[in-house]
Amino acid sequence: MIYKKTFGVPEKFVPTYFAPEPKAGIADMPDEISEKITFSVSKRGCRFLIPIEADTAFYGFGLQMKAVNQRGNKITVRCNADPKANTGDSHAPVPFFVTNKGWGIFADTARNAVFYCGNELNRGLRSSDFNAVGESEFIDNTRDLYADKIRENATLTVEIPVAQGADIYYFTGDRIVDIVSQYNMFSGGGCLPPDWGFGNYYRCCGRYNEDEVLAMAKSIREQNIPCDTLGLEPGWQTRSYSCSYVWSEKFKNHKSLLEKLIGMGYKVNLWEHFFVHPSSPIFDDLLPLSADYYVWQGLVPDFSFDEAQRIYADHQHKLVEEGVYGFKVDECDGSDFTGGWSYPDCAEFPSGMDGEQYHHLAGTFGAQTLLKAMGGRPTYSEIRALGPLCSSYPFVLYSDLYDFDDFLRATINSGFSGLLWSPEVRQCETKSDFVRRIQLVAFSAQSLINAWYYDHQPWLDFDAADDVREMFEMRMRLVPYIKKAFVRYRDEGVPPVRSLVCDYKNAKHIEDEYIFGDMIVAPIKPEQAGREVWLPEGEWVMLFDGGEYSGGFHEIKTEKIPVYYRKGEKPEMAEVSQYLPFE
């Protein structure tokens, strides 16, 4: 069930103001829930206090890479590229969380809200209320010293800066997956990409010209490595930081190139960002509809205006008419950790939004704008920032970070917040590193190799073409199964990739496995030959070798990736093809 209550005076520019129509019913919050929430306003903004139990766990807050259970942590949902620590900074911050206690909360704000996931309130106790008898305590290690020990008066504190109020949505359900599914339906339901979007992607070197792109495309086909989408990086444009959106001299015959690639079954995807260079044909029209700061000498359009979206989308639609099937949108997040290139939080936009609010909504506006540019043509594209209520947009997140553990946590965490994530494969130091990453990406929301700075196929460094072919062929076999999971995402809101704890309450401590459709995936880290795998109660079958396992812990050693389906529920598979038909 979803309940809503307005506290204080909410701001105008909030996620629900720009979101799709909900596909879930919303009721007024009953007194027995609202009375648990203490609300106050101060010069800092507004604050919410909610009592929690000693063992309450917190999951979500967007694309978090550093932890799964956020109990005891301070999480600031702030839009930022390449977060360095578990502070809440994210490419896709979302002020929504779910607990293991049958409830979750969405705070409808585009501010850098702060969530203190378990502090101890001063409730006026006296010294006589404590038992001071006993030996003094001394702890000689920081792990135990700083561990979450809150047992009494535990409280969730939510602080929203600037705002004098907010709408709070309270979700209830028996399992975490039930609550998350309701949030996704509240967001408009999950996206359903075209079938070819479930295939494999390869992004070419950014220095390539049209002849080199064509040679790469032919080479992939000659090696019989299944691939549906070919991406062109910044070099396709005359200017890329900021962007012109005009084909460069290296692609004089780009229309012919696109025709040849389409003839080979490739769906072409173009890199860009939303900062508009003065040489762009749309610069003058967007000038009065842009912020008061440049980024890389380019405009920052205010896409909250329909007219700004129309100007941009009309120009990009010309690329679509030429044969483009998607876009990769880079650098639409923040830059506190990556050189400070973006617009500041105090930037002013013509709509009345400030930079802080626009950072939180930029990915949403960008996805909406590019869907208009597609003109109804199905796409499954990439974007580096999204936010709340974005499950209906067919865009997958990625990152310039590259730690394997971070990528695995992002795979697990993305499903808590209605987001899709690709742990794309780029540079690797060893064959084990490369193969283990290929295995992970093949069982993710988008199977992608990003060779934007490689002048050759990265698998050639390790004589690993057979490994790529095997995993990419498995991906193609699983397309019917993956599509079935995304249909459920669209119709019921169930994330196609999600944490084990979503479905299994007793999996709270399993933070390195996840659910893919309904299968259990337990990736093995680079340089390791095996791992301990936990399986839920019941009988399970290993996808790659047919081995049978009962629920519980198992020591597994394999060169494959451990993937398990319930006995009697073997996933539907298709014949292997090099690419899927256009839609």
Protein backbone atom coordinates (compact mmCIF):
# COMPACT_ATOMS: atom_id res chain seq x y z
CA MET A 1 0.00 0.00 0.00
CA ILE A 2 1.16 3.58 -0.69
CA TYR A 3 0.21 6.40 1.65
CA LYS A 4 0.86 10.13 1.26
CA LYS A 5 0.92 13.06 3.61
CA THR A 6 1.98 16.68 3.08
CA PHE A 7 4.13 18.14 5.83
CA GLY A 8 4.62 21.92 5.91
CA VAL A 9 4.83 23.77 2.59
CA PRO A 10 6.55 21.73 -0.15
CA GLU A 11 8.62 23.32 -2.93
CA LYS A 12 7.26 23.57 -6.46
CA PHE A 13 10.09 21.81 -8.28
CA VAL A 14 10.06 18.25 -7.00
CA PRO A 15 10.37 14.87 -8.77
CA THR A 16 6.63 14.13 -8.86
CA TYR A 17 6.02 17.44 -10.67
CA PHE A 18 7.90 16.10 -13.72
CA ALA A 19 7.27 12.35 -13.36
CA PRO A 20 5.05 10.06 -15.45
CA GLU A 21 1.56 9.28 -14.23
CA PRO A 22 1.63 6.73 -11.39
CA LYS A 23 0.33 3.24 -12.09
CA ALA A 24 -0.41 2.58 -8.44
CA GLY A 25 -3.08 3.79 -6.08
CA ILE A 26 -2.21 6.31 -3.36
CA ALA A 27 -4.21 6.77 -0.15
CA ASP A 28 -4.08 9.38 2.59
CA MET A 29 -1.64 8.45 5.33
CA PRO A 30 -3.55 7.06 8.33
CA ASP A 31 -3.01 8.54 11.77
CA GLU A 32 -1.29 5.44 13.13
CA ILE A 33 1.54 6.04 10.64
CA SER A 34 1.65 9.85 10.51
CA GLU A 35 1.72 10.08 14.30
CA LYS A 36 5.06 8.26 14.28
CA ILE A 37 6.60 11.03 12.15
CA THR A 38 7.79 14.13 13.98
CA PHE A 39 8.09 17.12 11.63
CA SER A 40 9.73 20.49 12.26
CA VAL A 41 10.99 23.52 10.31
CA SER A 42 14.06 25.64 11.07
CA LYS A 43 16.44 28.03 9.32
CA ARG A 44 18.24 24.96 7.98
CA GLY A 45 15.16 23.61 6.22
CA CYS A 46 12.84 20.88 7.47
CA ARG A 47 13.36 17.70 9.49
CA PHE A 48 11.55 14.39 9.95
CA LEU A 49 12.12 11.99 12.85
CA ILE A 50 10.89 8.40 12.66
CA PRO A 51 11.48 5.78 15.37
CA ILE A 52 13.12 2.55 14.22
CA GLU A 53 13.84 -0.83 15.73
CA ALA A 54 17.28 -1.94 16.87
CA ASP A 55 17.71 -4.29 13.91
CA THR A 56 16.17 -2.13 11.18
CA ALA A 57 18.18 -2.30 7.94
CA PHE A 58 18.08 0.38 5.23
CA TYR A 59 18.43 -0.26 1.50
CA GLY A 60 18.28 2.04 -1.52
CA PHE A 61 19.07 5.77 -1.86
CA GLY A 62 19.85 5.35 -5.56
CA LEU A 63 22.94 3.95 -7.25
CA GLN A 64 25.13 3.32 -4.19
CA MET A 65 28.49 1.62 -4.79
CA LYS A 66 30.10 1.46 -1.36
CA ALA A 67 27.59 -0.40 0.85
CA VAL A 68 24.36 -2.37 0.64
CA ASN A 69 22.82 -2.08 4.12
CA GLN A 70 23.09 1.59 5.16
CA ARG A 71 22.14 1.09 8.84
CA GLY A 72 24.16 3.45 11.04
CA ASN A 73 25.33 5.58 8.10
CA LYS A 74 24.78 9.21 7.15
CA ILE A 75 23.63 9.32 3.53
CA THR A 76 23.44 12.61 1.63
CA VAL A 77 21.62 12.05 -1.64
CA ARG A 78 23.72 14.36 -3.80
CA CYS A 79 24.31 14.06 -7.55
CA ASN A 80 28.01 13.49 -8.17
CA ALA A 81 30.30 11.69 -10.59
CA ASP A 82 32.61 9.03 -9.18
CA PRO A 83 31.86 9.01 -5.43
CA LYS A 84 34.90 8.10 -3.34
CA ALA A 85 33.26 6.94 -0.10
CA ASN A 86 29.93 5.78 1.31
CA THR A 87 28.53 9.28 1.81
CA GLY A 88 25.48 8.98 -0.44
CA ASP A 89 26.98 10.82 -3.41
CA SER A 90 25.87 9.07 -6.59
CA HIS A 91 25.35 9.36 -10.33
CA ALA A 92 21.72 8.61 -9.51
CA PRO A 93 20.74 9.72 -6.00
CA VAL A 94 17.20 8.82 -4.99
CA PRO A 95 15.51 9.93 -1.73
CA PHE A 96 13.79 6.55 -1.42
CA PHE A 97 14.71 3.68 0.87
CA VAL A 98 13.16 0.45 1.99
CA THR A 99 13.61 -1.39 5.27
CA ASN A 100 13.47 -5.00 6.36
CA LYS A 101 10.51 -4.11 8.58
CA GLY A 102 7.79 -3.96 5.95
CA TRP A 103 7.96 -0.26 5.10
CA GLY A 104 9.83 2.28 3.01
CA ILE A 105 9.73 6.02 2.40
CA PHE A 106 10.03 8.34 -0.59
CA ALA A 107 10.67 12.00 0.24
CA ASP A 108 9.51 14.09 -2.71
CA THR A 109 12.43 16.50 -2.95
CA ALA A 110 15.10 17.61 -5.44
CA ARG A 111 17.40 18.79 -2.65
CA ASN A 112 20.53 17.23 -1.16
CA ALA A 113 18.51 15.50 1.53
CA VAL A 114 20.40 13.88 4.41
CA PHE A 115 19.34 10.55 5.91
CA TYR A 116 20.81 9.61 9.29
CA CYS A 117 20.03 5.90 9.35
CA GLY A 118 19.96 5.35 13.10
CA ASN A 119 20.86 8.00 15.66
CA GLU A 120 20.02 8.01 19.34
CA LEU A 121 17.77 10.85 20.46
CA ASN A 122 18.11 12.63 23.78
CA ARG A 123 14.72 11.91 25.34
CA GLY A 124 15.38 13.59 28.68
CA LEU A 125 16.78 10.58 30.50
CA ARG A 126 18.60 11.13 33.81
CA SER A 127 21.80 9.52 35.02
CA SER A 128 19.76 7.40 37.40
CA ASP A 129 18.08 5.77 34.41
CA PHE A 130 21.38 4.11 33.45
CA ASN A 131 23.09 1.24 35.22
CA ALA A 132 26.60 2.51 35.85
CA VAL A 133 27.71 -0.50 37.87
CA GLY A 134 30.40 -2.69 36.38
CA GLU A 135 33.89 -2.55 35.00
CA SER A 136 34.96 0.29 32.75
CA GLU A 137 34.95 -0.43 29.02
CA PHE A 138 37.98 -0.14 26.77
CA ILE A 139 37.91 -0.90 23.07
CA ASP A 140 41.24 -1.22 21.30
CA ASN A 141 40.14 -1.30 17.62
CA THR A 142 38.22 1.13 15.43
CA ARG A 143 36.00 -1.56 13.91
CA ASP A 144 34.30 -2.28 17.23
CA LEU A 145 34.64 1.28 18.48
CA TYR A 146 32.62 2.76 15.62
CA ALA A 147 30.24 -0.16 15.08
CA ASP A 148 26.53 0.59 15.21
CA LYS A 149 25.56 -0.11 18.81
CA ILE A 150 22.28 1.78 18.95
CA ARG A 151 19.78 -0.25 20.92
CA GLU A 152 17.61 2.38 22.66
CA ASN A 153 15.77 5.39 21.23
CA ALA A 154 16.94 4.56 17.70
CA THR A 155 15.69 7.11 15.18
CA LEU A 156 15.79 7.80 11.48
CA THR A 157 16.44 11.49 10.85
CA VAL A 158 15.69 13.02 7.45
CA GLU A 159 16.83 16.60 6.86
CA ILE A 160 15.89 18.48 3.70
CA PRO A 161 17.83 21.74 3.28
CA VAL A 162 16.10 24.97 2.20
CA ALA A 163 12.65 23.37 1.91
CA GLN A 164 9.94 24.28 4.40
CA GLY A 165 8.08 21.04 3.88
CA ALA A 166 7.69 17.99 1.67
CA ASP A 167 5.29 15.30 0.60
CA ILE A 168 6.16 11.99 2.22
CA TYR A 169 5.09 8.72 0.60
CA TYR A 170 4.99 5.71 2.91
CA PHE A 171 5.09 2.23 1.33
CA THR A 172 4.15 -1.02 3.04
CA GLY A 173 4.51 -4.65 1.99
CA ASP A 174 5.28 -8.15 3.21
CA ARG A 175 8.62 -8.39 1.38
CA ILE A 176 11.12 -5.81 0.21
CA VAL A 177 10.40 -6.76 -3.42
CA ASP A 178 6.72 -5.95 -2.84
CA ILE A 179 7.58 -2.45 -1.60
CA VAL A 180 10.12 -1.78 -4.36
CA SER A 181 7.63 -2.99 -6.97
CA GLN A 182 5.05 -0.52 -5.68
CA TYR A 183 7.61 2.28 -5.88
CA ASN A 184 8.30 1.35 -9.51
CA MET A 185 4.60 1.34 -10.36
CA PHE A 186 4.28 4.68 -8.55
CA SER A 187 7.05 5.80 -10.96
CA GLY A 188 5.00 4.80 -14.00
CA GLY A 189 6.05 1.15 -14.22
CA GLY A 190 9.27 -0.33 -15.51
CA CYS A 191 10.60 0.13 -19.03
CA LEU A 192 10.41 -2.53 -21.71
CA PRO A 193 13.27 -2.09 -24.21
CA PRO A 194 13.27 -3.57 -27.72
CA ASP A 195 14.48 -7.17 -27.93
CA TRP A 196 17.78 -6.12 -29.49
CA GLY A 197 18.48 -4.04 -26.38
CA PHE A 198 18.89 -7.30 -24.45
CA GLY A 199 21.74 -8.28 -26.76
CA ASN A 200 25.37 -7.12 -26.56
CA TYR A 201 26.89 -3.65 -27.01
CA TYR A 202 30.35 -2.57 -28.18
CA ARG A 203 31.57 1.03 -28.04
CA CYS A 204 34.32 1.92 -30.52
CA CYS A 205 37.50 3.89 -29.92
CA GLY A 206 36.78 7.61 -29.78
CA ARG A 207 39.64 8.35 -32.20
CA TYR A 208 38.24 6.18 -34.97
CA ASN A 209 37.19 7.53 -38.35
CA GLU A 210 34.45 5.99 -40.46
CA ASP A 211 36.76 3.45 -42.12
CA GLU A 212 38.08 2.24 -38.77
CA VAL A 213 34.56 1.94 -37.35
CA LEU A 214 33.51 -0.14 -40.34
CA ALA A 215 36.60 -2.35 -40.03
CA MET A 216 35.84 -2.95 -36.34
CA ALA A 217 32.23 -3.84 -37.14
CA LYS A 218 33.36 -6.34 -39.79
CA SER A 219 35.94 -7.88 -37.46
CA ILE A 220 33.36 -8.55 -34.76
CA ARG A 221 31.13 -10.29 -37.28
CA GLU A 222 34.05 -12.31 -38.67
CA GLN A 223 34.82 -13.59 -35.16
CA ASN A 224 31.17 -14.64 -34.71
CA ILE A 225 30.88 -12.62 -31.51
CA PRO A 226 27.21 -11.66 -31.08
CA CYS A 227 26.74 -7.89 -31.03
CA ASP A 228 23.63 -5.79 -31.60
CA THR A 229 24.70 -2.23 -30.86
CA LEU A 230 27.78 -0.32 -31.97
CA GLY A 231 28.57 2.92 -30.16
CA LEU A 232 30.48 5.92 -31.50
CA GLU A 233 32.28 8.01 -28.89
CA PRO A 234 33.00 11.83 -28.83
CA GLY A 235 35.05 11.94 -32.03
CA TRP A 236 31.98 11.64 -34.25
CA GLN A 237 31.26 15.37 -33.60
CA THR A 238 33.10 18.50 -34.71
CA ARG A 239 33.09 19.61 -31.05
CA SER A 240 32.40 17.37 -28.07
CA TYR A 241 33.31 19.31 -24.87
CA SER A 242 30.89 21.12 -25.21
CA CYS A 243 28.93 19.50 -28.06
CA SER A 244 28.10 20.62 -31.58
CA TYR A 245 25.96 17.55 -32.50
CA VAL A 246 27.37 17.90 -36.02
CA TRP A 247 29.26 15.11 -37.82
CA SER A 248 33.01 15.70 -38.01
CA GLU A 249 35.26 15.57 -41.07
CA LYS A 250 36.27 12.05 -40.05
CA PHE A 251 32.74 10.98 -40.98
CA LYS A 252 32.24 12.73 -44.34
CA ASN A 253 30.27 9.74 -45.59
CA HIS A 254 28.42 9.06 -42.37
CA LYS A 255 25.12 8.31 -44.11
CA SER A 256 26.78 5.59 -46.14
CA LEU A 257 28.48 4.27 -43.00
CA LEU A 258 25.17 4.09 -41.17
CA GLU A 259 23.57 2.23 -44.07
CA LYS A 260 26.40 -0.33 -44.09
CA LEU A 261 26.25 -0.84 -40.33
CA ILE A 262 22.48 -1.25 -40.44
CA GLY A 263 22.95 -3.79 -43.23
CA MET A 264 25.23 -5.74 -40.91
CA GLY A 265 22.59 -5.74 -38.18
CA TYR A 266 24.11 -3.03 -35.96
CA LYS A 267 22.04 -0.41 -34.15
CA VAL A 268 24.23 2.70 -33.91
CA ASN A 269 24.44 4.65 -30.65
CA LEU A 270 26.01 8.14 -30.42
CA TRP A 271 27.85 9.68 -27.46
CA GLU A 272 26.95 13.21 -26.39
CA HIS A 273 26.21 15.42 -23.41
CA PHE A 274 23.79 18.28 -22.85
CA PHE A 275 26.26 21.20 -22.88
CA VAL A 276 25.78 23.05 -26.17
CA HIS A 277 28.80 24.53 -27.96
CA PRO A 278 28.48 27.97 -29.66
CA SER A 279 29.08 26.30 -33.04
CA SER A 280 26.02 24.09 -32.63
CA PRO A 281 23.04 24.91 -34.88
CA ILE A 282 20.78 24.98 -31.81
CA PHE A 283 22.93 27.31 -29.67
CA ASP A 284 21.14 30.57 -30.46
CA ASP A 285 17.67 29.12 -29.99
CA LEU A 286 18.60 27.64 -26.61
CA LEU A 287 20.45 30.71 -25.34
CA PRO A 288 17.42 32.36 -23.64
CA LEU A 289 16.37 29.00 -22.21
CA SER A 290 19.65 28.23 -20.44
CA ALA A 291 21.30 28.67 -17.04
CA ASP A 292 23.51 31.61 -16.06
CA TYR A 293 26.65 29.43 -16.13
CA TYR A 294 28.53 27.76 -18.99
CA VAL A 295 30.06 24.29 -18.81
CA TRP A 296 33.05 23.81 -21.12
CA GLN A 297 32.08 27.07 -22.83
CA GLY A 298 28.67 25.59 -23.59
CA LEU A 299 25.09 26.34 -22.64
CA VAL A 300 23.24 24.36 -19.97
CA PRO A 301 19.69 24.20 -21.37
CA ASP A 302 16.76 24.28 -18.98
CA PHE A 303 14.95 21.16 -20.14
CA SER A 304 12.11 21.74 -17.70
CA PHE A 305 10.74 23.89 -20.54
CA ASP A 306 8.92 22.00 -23.29
CA GLU A 307 10.35 24.45 -25.82
CA ALA A 308 13.94 23.66 -24.81
CA GLN A 309 13.22 19.95 -25.09
CA ARG A 310 11.62 20.49 -28.51
CA ILE A 311 14.57 22.47 -29.91
CA TYR A 312 17.07 19.87 -28.76
CA ALA A 313 14.94 16.86 -29.69
CA ASP A 314 14.13 18.16 -33.18
CA HIS A 315 17.83 18.45 -33.98
CA GLN A 316 18.66 15.01 -32.56
CA HIS A 317 15.74 13.50 -34.46
CA LYS A 318 17.59 14.31 -37.68
CA LEU A 319 20.29 11.90 -36.51
CA VAL A 320 17.62 9.31 -35.77
CA GLU A 321 16.19 9.72 -39.28
CA GLU A 322 19.67 9.03 -40.66
CA GLY A 323 19.77 5.68 -38.84
CA VAL A 324 20.72 6.26 -35.18
CA TYR A 325 19.03 4.00 -32.63
CA GLY A 326 20.17 5.47 -29.33
CA PHE A 327 22.39 7.83 -27.40
CA LYS A 328 24.93 7.68 -24.61
CA VAL A 329 24.57 10.79 -22.43
CA ASP A 330 27.74 11.59 -20.50
CA GLU A 331 28.53 14.12 -17.73
CA CYS A 332 24.96 15.00 -16.80
CA ASP A 333 25.73 14.49 -13.11
CA GLY A 334 27.94 16.57 -10.77
CA SER A 335 31.69 17.07 -10.51
CA ASP A 336 32.81 17.63 -6.93
CA PHE A 337 35.23 14.69 -7.24
CA THR A 338 36.14 15.03 -10.92
CA GLY A 339 37.60 18.47 -11.50
CA GLY A 340 34.70 20.80 -10.77
CA TRP A 341 33.65 21.17 -14.40
CA SER A 342 29.87 21.34 -13.81
CA TYR A 343 27.56 24.23 -12.94
CA PRO A 344 27.35 25.17 -9.22
CA ASP A 345 24.42 24.54 -6.93
CA CYS A 346 23.75 28.28 -6.85
CA ALA A 347 23.28 28.45 -10.64
CA GLU A 348 20.01 30.04 -11.71
CA PHE A 349 17.79 28.53 -14.38
CA PRO A 350 15.04 30.42 -16.27
CA SER A 351 12.38 28.16 -14.76
CA GLY A 352 13.28 29.36 -11.26
CA MET A 353 15.16 26.23 -10.28
CA ASP A 354 18.63 26.48 -8.81
CA GLY A 355 21.60 24.30 -9.68
CA GLU A 356 21.07 21.92 -6.77
CA GLN A 357 17.56 21.10 -7.92
CA TYR A 358 18.57 20.85 -11.56
CA HIS A 359 21.39 18.40 -10.76
CA HIS A 360 18.81 16.07 -9.25
CA LEU A 361 16.46 16.37 -12.24
CA ALA A 362 18.89 16.71 -15.17
CA GLY A 363 18.94 12.99 -15.96
CA THR A 364 15.15 12.86 -15.87
CA PHE A 365 14.84 15.82 -18.24
CA GLY A 366 17.51 14.37 -20.51
CA ALA A 367 15.81 10.99 -20.77
CA GLN A 368 12.49 12.67 -21.56
CA THR A 369 14.12 14.88 -24.21
CA LEU A 370 15.90 12.03 -25.98
CA LEU A 371 12.79 9.88 -26.01
CA LYS A 372 11.15 12.75 -27.89
CA ALA A 373 14.14 12.78 -30.25
CA MET A 374 13.64 9.07 -30.94
CA GLY A 375 10.18 9.93 -32.33
CA GLY A 376 8.70 6.62 -31.25
CA ARG A 377 11.65 4.48 -32.40
CA PRO A 378 12.41 1.97 -29.60
CA THR A 379 15.73 2.46 -27.84
CA TYR A 380 17.79 1.10 -24.96
CA SER A 381 20.35 3.81 -24.29
CA GLU A 382 22.90 4.90 -21.68
CA ILE A 383 22.95 7.87 -19.32
CA ARG A 384 25.27 8.86 -16.48
CA ALA A 385 22.66 10.42 -14.19
CA LEU A 386 19.10 9.66 -13.30
CA GLY A 387 17.05 10.25 -10.21
CA PRO A 388 13.74 9.50 -8.54
CA LEU A 389 10.76 7.97 -10.38
CA CYS A 390 12.76 7.00 -13.49
CA SER A 391 11.98 3.30 -13.87
CA SER A 392 9.90 3.84 -17.03
CA TYR A 393 12.79 5.36 -19.01
CA PRO A 394 14.81 2.88 -21.14
CA PHE A 395 18.19 4.23 -20.04
CA VAL A 396 20.98 2.33 -18.27
CA LEU A 397 23.46 3.93 -15.89
CA TYR A 398 27.25 3.54 -16.06
CA SER A 399 30.28 5.03 -14.31
CA ASP A 400 33.86 6.13 -14.88
CA LEU A 401 34.79 4.28 -11.67
CA TYR A 402 35.94 0.72 -12.21
CA ASP A 403 36.47 -1.23 -8.98
CA PHE A 404 34.97 -4.72 -9.33
CA ASP A 405 33.41 -4.67 -5.84
CA ASP A 406 31.86 -1.25 -6.53
CA PHE A 407 30.39 -2.51 -9.79
CA LEU A 408 28.95 -5.59 -8.09
CA ARG A 409 27.38 -3.48 -5.31
CA ALA A 410 25.87 -1.15 -7.91
CA THR A 411 24.39 -4.19 -9.67
CA ILE A 412 22.84 -5.29 -6.39
CA ASN A 413 21.71 -1.85 -5.19
CA SER A 414 20.26 -0.43 -8.41
CA GLY A 415 17.10 -2.51 -8.13
CA PHE A 416 16.14 -0.91 -4.80
CA SER A 417 15.56 2.44 -6.55
CA GLY A 418 14.01 1.66 -9.91
CA LEU A 419 17.32 2.01 -11.76
CA LEU A 420 19.17 -0.05 -14.37
CA TRP A 421 22.95 -0.41 -14.26
CA SER A 422 25.67 -1.81 -16.51
CA PRO A 423 29.01 -2.89 -14.99
CA GLU A 424 30.57 -2.24 -18.39
CA VAL A 425 33.91 -3.82 -19.30
CA ARG A 426 36.85 -1.55 -20.15
CA GLN A 427 40.54 -1.88 -19.36
CA CYS A 428 41.84 -4.99 -17.60
CA GLU A 429 45.21 -5.99 -16.18
CA THR A 430 44.92 -9.76 -16.53
CA LYS A 431 42.88 -12.35 -18.39
CA SER A 432 41.16 -13.32 -15.14
CA ASP A 433 40.14 -9.71 -14.59
CA PHE A 434 38.76 -9.49 -18.11
CA VAL A 435 36.89 -12.80 -18.04
CA ARG A 436 35.32 -12.28 -14.60
CA ARG A 437 34.10 -8.83 -15.69
CA ILE A 438 32.65 -10.24 -18.92
CA GLN A 439 30.78 -12.81 -16.84
CA LEU A 440 29.34 -10.11 -14.57
CA VAL A 441 28.25 -7.80 -17.39
CA ALA A 442 26.57 -10.63 -19.32
CA PHE A 443 24.23 -11.12 -16.34
CA SER A 444 23.35 -7.47 -15.85
CA ALA A 445 20.78 -5.03 -17.18
CA GLN A 446 22.97 -4.23 -20.19
CA SER A 447 25.83 -6.28 -21.65
CA LEU A 448 28.41 -3.72 -22.74
CA ILE A 449 32.10 -3.50 -23.65
CA ASN A 450 33.22 0.13 -23.67
CA ALA A 451 36.45 0.35 -25.69
CA TRP A 452 36.32 4.13 -26.08
CA TYR A 453 40.10 4.52 -25.70
CA TYR A 454 41.18 1.16 -27.20
CA ASP A 455 42.36 1.13 -30.80
CA HIS A 456 41.69 -2.63 -30.81
CA GLN A 457 39.31 -5.13 -29.27
CA PRO A 458 40.31 -5.53 -25.60
CA TRP A 459 39.91 -9.31 -25.64
CA LEU A 460 42.86 -9.53 -28.05
CA ASP A 461 45.21 -8.56 -25.20
CA PHE A 462 44.45 -11.86 -23.47
CA ASP A 463 43.56 -14.22 -26.32
CA ALA A 464 40.07 -14.22 -24.82
CA ALA A 465 37.84 -14.14 -27.92
CA ASP A 466 36.43 -17.57 -27.04
CA ASP A 467 35.51 -16.36 -23.55
CA VAL A 468 33.69 -13.32 -24.91
CA ARG A 469 31.93 -15.41 -27.52
CA GLU A 470 30.75 -17.93 -24.93
CA MET A 471 29.29 -15.31 -22.59
CA PHE A 472 27.79 -13.19 -25.36
CA GLU A 473 26.22 -16.28 -26.91
CA MET A 474 24.70 -17.15 -23.51
CA ARG A 475 23.34 -13.62 -23.33
CA MET A 476 21.67 -14.10 -26.72
CA ARG A 477 20.21 -17.44 -25.67
CA LEU A 478 18.71 -15.78 -22.61
CA VAL A 479 16.97 -12.93 -24.46
CA PRO A 480 13.47 -14.54 -24.12
CA TYR A 481 14.09 -15.03 -20.41
CA ILE A 482 15.37 -11.47 -19.96
CA LYS A 483 12.42 -10.06 -21.90
CA LYS A 484 10.01 -11.97 -19.67
CA ALA A 485 11.66 -10.36 -16.63
CA PHE A 486 11.31 -6.89 -18.16
CA VAL A 487 7.64 -7.49 -19.02
CA ARG A 488 7.14 -8.22 -15.33
CA TYR A 489 9.08 -5.03 -14.56
CA ARG A 490 6.72 -3.04 -16.79
CA ASP A 491 3.50 -4.64 -15.58
CA GLU A 492 4.25 -5.35 -11.91
CA GLY A 493 7.30 -3.22 -11.10
CA VAL A 494 9.51 -6.19 -10.09
CA PRO A 495 13.15 -5.21 -10.81
CA PRO A 496 14.77 -7.58 -13.33
CA VAL A 497 18.06 -7.32 -11.39
CA ARG A 498 17.80 -7.10 -7.60
CA SER A 499 19.34 -7.99 -4.26
CA LEU A 500 18.67 -11.39 -2.69
CA VAL A 501 17.20 -9.67 0.37
CA CYS A 502 14.41 -8.31 -1.85
CA ASP A 503 12.90 -11.80 -2.13
CA TYR A 504 14.49 -13.69 0.76
CA LYS A 505 14.34 -12.17 4.24
CA ASN A 506 17.02 -14.52 5.56
CA ALA A 507 19.53 -13.24 2.96
CA LYS A 508 20.25 -10.03 4.90
CA HIS A 509 23.96 -10.82 5.19
CA ILE A 510 24.44 -11.95 1.58
CA GLU A 511 25.79 -8.86 -0.17
CA ASP A 512 27.75 -10.34 -3.09
CA GLU A 513 25.02 -12.26 -4.91
CA TYR A 514 21.90 -11.07 -6.72
CA ILE A 515 18.78 -12.14 -8.56
CA PHE A 516 18.67 -11.99 -12.37
CA GLY A 517 15.06 -12.50 -13.40
CA ASP A 518 14.54 -15.26 -10.86
CA MET A 519 17.95 -16.94 -11.14
CA ILE A 520 20.63 -16.55 -8.46
CA VAL A 521 23.93 -15.08 -9.70
CA ALA A 522 27.09 -15.33 -7.58
CA PRO A 523 29.95 -13.61 -9.46
CA ILE A 524 33.51 -14.70 -8.79
CA LYS A 525 36.04 -11.92 -8.33
CA PRO A 526 39.09 -11.53 -10.60
CA GLU A 527 42.07 -13.70 -9.75
CA GLN A 528 39.88 -16.08 -7.75
CA ALA A 529 39.04 -19.64 -8.77
CA GLY A 530 35.93 -19.99 -6.67
CA ARG A 531 33.79 -18.70 -3.81
CA GLU A 532 31.23 -19.62 -1.19
CA VAL A 533 27.70 -19.51 -2.59
CA TRP A 534 24.48 -19.27 -0.58
CA LEU A 535 21.27 -20.59 -2.11
CA PRO A 536 17.73 -20.15 -0.76
CA GLU A 537 15.75 -23.11 0.51
CA GLY A 538 14.84 -25.62 -2.18
CA GLU A 539 16.58 -27.43 -5.02
CA TRP A 540 18.70 -25.53 -7.53
CA VAL A 541 20.44 -26.32 -10.82
CA MET A 542 23.64 -24.67 -12.06
CA LEU A 543 23.05 -23.09 -15.46
CA PHE A 544 26.38 -23.93 -17.06
CA ASP A 545 26.99 -27.54 -15.97
CA GLY A 546 23.62 -28.83 -14.78
CA GLY A 547 24.89 -29.60 -11.29
CA GLU A 548 22.19 -29.85 -8.62
CA TYR A 549 22.39 -28.13 -5.21
CA SER A 550 20.14 -27.81 -2.20
CA GLY A 551 19.58 -24.60 -0.25
CA GLY A 552 22.41 -23.45 2.01
CA PHE A 553 26.12 -22.71 1.65
CA HIS A 554 28.35 -24.37 -0.94
CA GLU A 555 32.02 -24.03 -1.86
CA ILE A 556 32.13 -23.62 -5.63
CA LYS A 557 35.21 -23.68 -7.86
CA THR A 558 34.61 -22.98 -11.54
CA GLU A 559 35.92 -21.03 -14.50
CA LYS A 560 32.29 -20.13 -15.26
CA ILE A 561 30.07 -17.75 -13.34
CA PRO A 562 27.86 -19.54 -10.80
CA VAL A 563 24.24 -19.05 -11.93
CA TYR A 564 21.37 -21.16 -10.56
CA TYR A 565 17.73 -21.69 -11.44
CA ARG A 566 15.12 -23.55 -9.39
CA LYS A 567 14.81 -27.19 -10.34
CA GLY A 568 11.94 -27.54 -12.80
CA GLU A 569 12.14 -23.86 -13.83
CA LYS A 570 14.85 -23.91 -16.51
CA PRO A 571 14.91 -20.55 -18.28
CA GLU A 572 13.53 -20.28 -21.77
CA MET A 573 16.34 -20.05 -24.31
CA ALA A 574 16.63 -19.07 -27.96
CA GLU A 575 18.99 -20.14 -30.71
CA VAL A 576 22.22 -18.15 -30.89
CA SER A 577 22.22 -15.33 -33.44
CA GLN A 578 24.78 -12.64 -34.18
CA TYR A 579 22.16 -9.93 -33.75
CA LEU A 580 18.42 -9.48 -33.29
CA PRO A 581 15.97 -7.87 -35.75
CA PHE A 582 15.34 -4.13 -35.77
CA GLU A 583 12.10 -2.92 -34.22
